[in-house]
């Protein structure tokens, strides 16, 4: 599955590709969103000066989840 392959790339890359993250967000199954958010949050936690675009991306993805 493309989403999983791209998520593996994002997980391994200290500064992941914006294009890859966008592709993930366009095709990710709902049941993989938590894993994806965990990957992105790890990037922010381990970066002394996390990027504002990354934090906004996390917020946007989290807000897109259905309220259950």
N, C-alpha and C. Protein backbone atom coordinates (compact mmCIF):
# COMPACT_ATOMS: atom_id res chain seq x y z
N UNK A 1 0.85 -1.17 0.00
CA UNK A 1 0.00 0.00 0.00
C UNK A 1 0.90 1.24 0.00
N UNK A 2 0.57 2.17 -0.88
CA UNK A 2 1.38 3.37 -1.04
C UNK A 2 1.48 4.17 0.25
N UNK A 3 0.39 4.30 0.96
CA UNK A 3 0.40 5.09 2.20
C UNK A 3 1.43 4.54 3.18
N UNK A 4 1.49 3.23 3.33
CA UNK A 4 2.43 2.63 4.28
C UNK A 4 3.88 2.83 3.83
N UNK A 5 4.13 2.68 2.55
CA UNK A 5 5.49 2.88 2.02
C UNK A 5 5.93 4.32 2.27
N UNK A 6 5.06 5.26 1.97
CA UNK A 6 5.40 6.67 2.18
C UNK A 6 5.56 6.99 3.66
N UNK A 7 4.72 6.40 4.50
CA UNK A 7 4.85 6.63 5.94
C UNK A 7 6.18 6.11 6.45
N UNK A 8 6.65 5.00 5.91
CA UNK A 8 7.96 4.48 6.30
C UNK A 8 9.06 5.45 5.91
N UNK A 9 8.93 6.07 4.74
CA UNK A 9 9.91 7.08 4.32
C UNK A 9 9.88 8.28 5.26
N UNK A 10 8.69 8.76 5.56
CA UNK A 10 8.54 9.92 6.46
C UNK A 10 9.11 9.60 7.83
N UNK A 11 8.87 8.40 8.32
CA UNK A 11 9.37 7.98 9.63
C UNK A 11 10.90 8.03 9.68
N UNK A 12 11.55 7.61 8.62
CA UNK A 12 13.01 7.51 8.59
C UNK A 12 13.72 8.83 8.28
N UNK A 13 13.04 9.72 7.62
CA UNK A 13 13.67 10.97 7.19
C UNK A 13 13.52 12.04 8.28
N UNK A 14 14.65 12.61 8.72
CA UNK A 14 14.55 13.65 9.75
C UNK A 14 13.76 14.88 9.28
N UNK A 15 13.82 15.16 7.99
CA UNK A 15 13.09 16.28 7.42
C UNK A 15 12.30 15.75 6.21
N UNK A 16 11.12 15.18 6.48
CA UNK A 16 10.37 14.49 5.43
C UNK A 16 9.91 15.42 4.31
N UNK A 17 9.72 14.81 3.16
CA UNK A 17 9.28 15.51 1.97
C UNK A 17 7.84 15.99 2.13
N UNK A 18 7.63 17.25 1.84
CA UNK A 18 6.29 17.82 1.87
C UNK A 18 5.41 17.11 0.84
N UNK A 19 5.98 16.79 -0.30
CA UNK A 19 5.23 16.09 -1.34
C UNK A 19 4.77 14.73 -0.84
N UNK A 20 5.64 13.99 -0.20
CA UNK A 20 5.27 12.67 0.33
C UNK A 20 4.18 12.79 1.40
N UNK A 21 4.31 13.76 2.29
CA UNK A 21 3.30 13.93 3.32
C UNK A 21 1.94 14.30 2.71
N UNK A 22 1.96 15.14 1.69
CA UNK A 22 0.72 15.52 1.01
C UNK A 22 0.08 14.31 0.34
N UNK A 23 0.90 13.48 -0.31
CA UNK A 23 0.38 12.27 -0.94
C UNK A 23 -0.25 11.33 0.09
N UNK A 24 0.41 11.21 1.24
CA UNK A 24 -0.16 10.39 2.32
C UNK A 24 -1.53 10.92 2.70
N UNK A 25 -1.60 12.21 2.94
CA UNK A 25 -2.84 12.82 3.41
C UNK A 25 -3.97 12.74 2.39
N UNK A 26 -3.63 12.61 1.12
CA UNK A 26 -4.64 12.49 0.08
C UNK A 26 -5.18 11.06 -0.03
N UNK A 27 -4.44 10.07 0.48
CA UNK A 27 -4.84 8.69 0.23
C UNK A 27 -4.89 7.79 1.47
N UNK A 28 -4.52 8.31 2.62
CA UNK A 28 -4.41 7.47 3.82
C UNK A 28 -5.77 6.94 4.26
N UNK A 29 -5.83 5.65 4.56
CA UNK A 29 -7.07 5.11 5.13
C UNK A 29 -7.25 5.64 6.56
N UNK A 30 -8.48 5.81 6.96
CA UNK A 30 -8.78 6.36 8.28
C UNK A 30 -8.11 5.58 9.41
N UNK A 31 -8.01 4.27 9.26
CA UNK A 31 -7.43 3.46 10.34
C UNK A 31 -5.91 3.62 10.46
N UNK A 32 -5.28 4.36 9.55
CA UNK A 32 -3.83 4.60 9.62
C UNK A 32 -3.49 6.02 10.07
N UNK A 33 -4.50 6.85 10.25
CA UNK A 33 -4.25 8.26 10.57
C UNK A 33 -3.56 8.40 11.93
N UNK A 34 -3.95 7.61 12.91
CA UNK A 34 -3.30 7.69 14.23
C UNK A 34 -1.81 7.40 14.13
N UNK A 35 -1.45 6.38 13.37
CA UNK A 35 -0.03 6.04 13.19
C UNK A 35 0.70 7.19 12.51
N UNK A 36 0.08 7.77 11.50
CA UNK A 36 0.69 8.89 10.78
C UNK A 36 0.89 10.09 11.72
N UNK A 37 -0.13 10.40 12.51
CA UNK A 37 0.02 11.50 13.46
C UNK A 37 1.13 11.22 14.48
N UNK A 38 1.24 9.99 14.93
CA UNK A 38 2.33 9.63 15.85
C UNK A 38 3.70 9.88 15.22
N UNK A 39 3.82 9.53 13.95
CA UNK A 39 5.09 9.75 13.24
C UNK A 39 5.41 11.24 13.20
N UNK A 40 4.42 12.05 12.83
CA UNK A 40 4.65 13.49 12.74
C UNK A 40 4.93 14.10 14.11
N UNK A 41 4.20 13.66 15.12
CA UNK A 41 4.43 14.18 16.47
C UNK A 41 5.83 13.85 16.97
N UNK A 42 6.34 12.67 16.63
CA UNK A 42 7.71 12.31 17.00
C UNK A 42 8.71 13.28 16.39
N UNK A 43 8.44 13.72 15.18
CA UNK A 43 9.33 14.70 14.52
C UNK A 43 9.38 15.98 15.34
N UNK A 44 8.23 16.44 15.79
CA UNK A 44 8.15 17.69 16.56
C UNK A 44 8.80 17.52 17.93
N UNK A 45 8.55 16.40 18.58
CA UNK A 45 9.09 16.15 19.92
C UNK A 45 10.62 16.13 19.90
N UNK A 46 11.19 15.56 18.84
CA UNK A 46 12.64 15.39 18.80
C UNK A 46 13.38 16.52 18.09
N UNK A 47 12.67 17.55 17.71
CA UNK A 47 13.30 18.70 17.05
C UNK A 47 13.32 19.87 18.04
N UNK A 48 14.48 20.37 18.30
CA UNK A 48 14.60 21.48 19.25
C UNK A 48 13.78 22.69 18.81
N UNK A 49 13.76 22.92 17.52
CA UNK A 49 13.00 24.04 16.97
C UNK A 49 12.07 23.50 15.87
N UNK A 50 10.96 22.88 16.27
CA UNK A 50 10.07 22.29 15.25
C UNK A 50 9.51 23.35 14.32
N UNK A 51 9.31 22.94 13.09
CA UNK A 51 8.82 23.90 12.10
C UNK A 51 7.34 24.20 12.32
N UNK A 52 7.01 25.43 12.09
CA UNK A 52 5.62 25.86 12.19
C UNK A 52 4.77 25.12 11.13
N UNK A 53 5.26 24.98 9.89
CA UNK A 53 4.45 24.23 8.93
C UNK A 53 4.17 22.78 9.38
N UNK A 54 5.12 22.13 10.03
CA UNK A 54 4.88 20.77 10.51
C UNK A 54 3.82 20.77 11.61
N UNK A 55 3.90 21.71 12.52
CA UNK A 55 2.90 21.77 13.59
C UNK A 55 1.51 22.09 13.02
N UNK A 56 1.45 22.94 12.03
CA UNK A 56 0.16 23.24 11.39
C UNK A 56 -0.37 22.02 10.64
N UNK A 57 0.53 21.27 10.02
CA UNK A 57 0.13 20.05 9.32
C UNK A 57 -0.50 19.06 10.30
N UNK A 58 0.14 18.88 11.44
CA UNK A 58 -0.38 17.97 12.46
C UNK A 58 -1.77 18.44 12.90
N UNK A 59 -1.90 19.72 13.15
CA UNK A 59 -3.19 20.27 13.58
C UNK A 59 -4.26 20.05 12.51
N UNK A 60 -3.90 20.29 11.26
CA UNK A 60 -4.86 20.13 10.16
C UNK A 60 -5.31 18.67 10.02
N UNK A 61 -4.35 17.75 10.10
CA UNK A 61 -4.70 16.32 9.98
C UNK A 61 -5.57 15.91 11.16
N UNK A 62 -5.19 16.32 12.37
CA UNK A 62 -5.98 15.95 13.56
C UNK A 62 -7.39 16.52 13.49
N UNK A 63 -7.53 17.72 13.01
CA UNK A 63 -8.85 18.35 12.90
C UNK A 63 -9.71 17.71 11.82
N UNK A 64 -9.10 17.03 10.88
CA UNK A 64 -9.85 16.40 9.80
C UNK A 64 -10.48 15.07 10.22
N UNK A 65 -10.07 14.57 11.39
CA UNK A 65 -10.61 13.29 11.88
C UNK A 65 -12.07 13.47 12.29
N UNK A 66 -12.88 12.47 12.01
CA UNK A 66 -14.28 12.56 12.46
C UNK A 66 -14.35 12.52 13.97
N UNK A 67 -15.28 13.25 14.54
CA UNK A 67 -15.48 13.24 15.99
C UNK A 67 -16.27 11.98 16.35
N UNK A 68 -15.63 11.14 17.15
CA UNK A 68 -16.31 9.91 17.61
C UNK A 68 -16.36 9.84 19.09
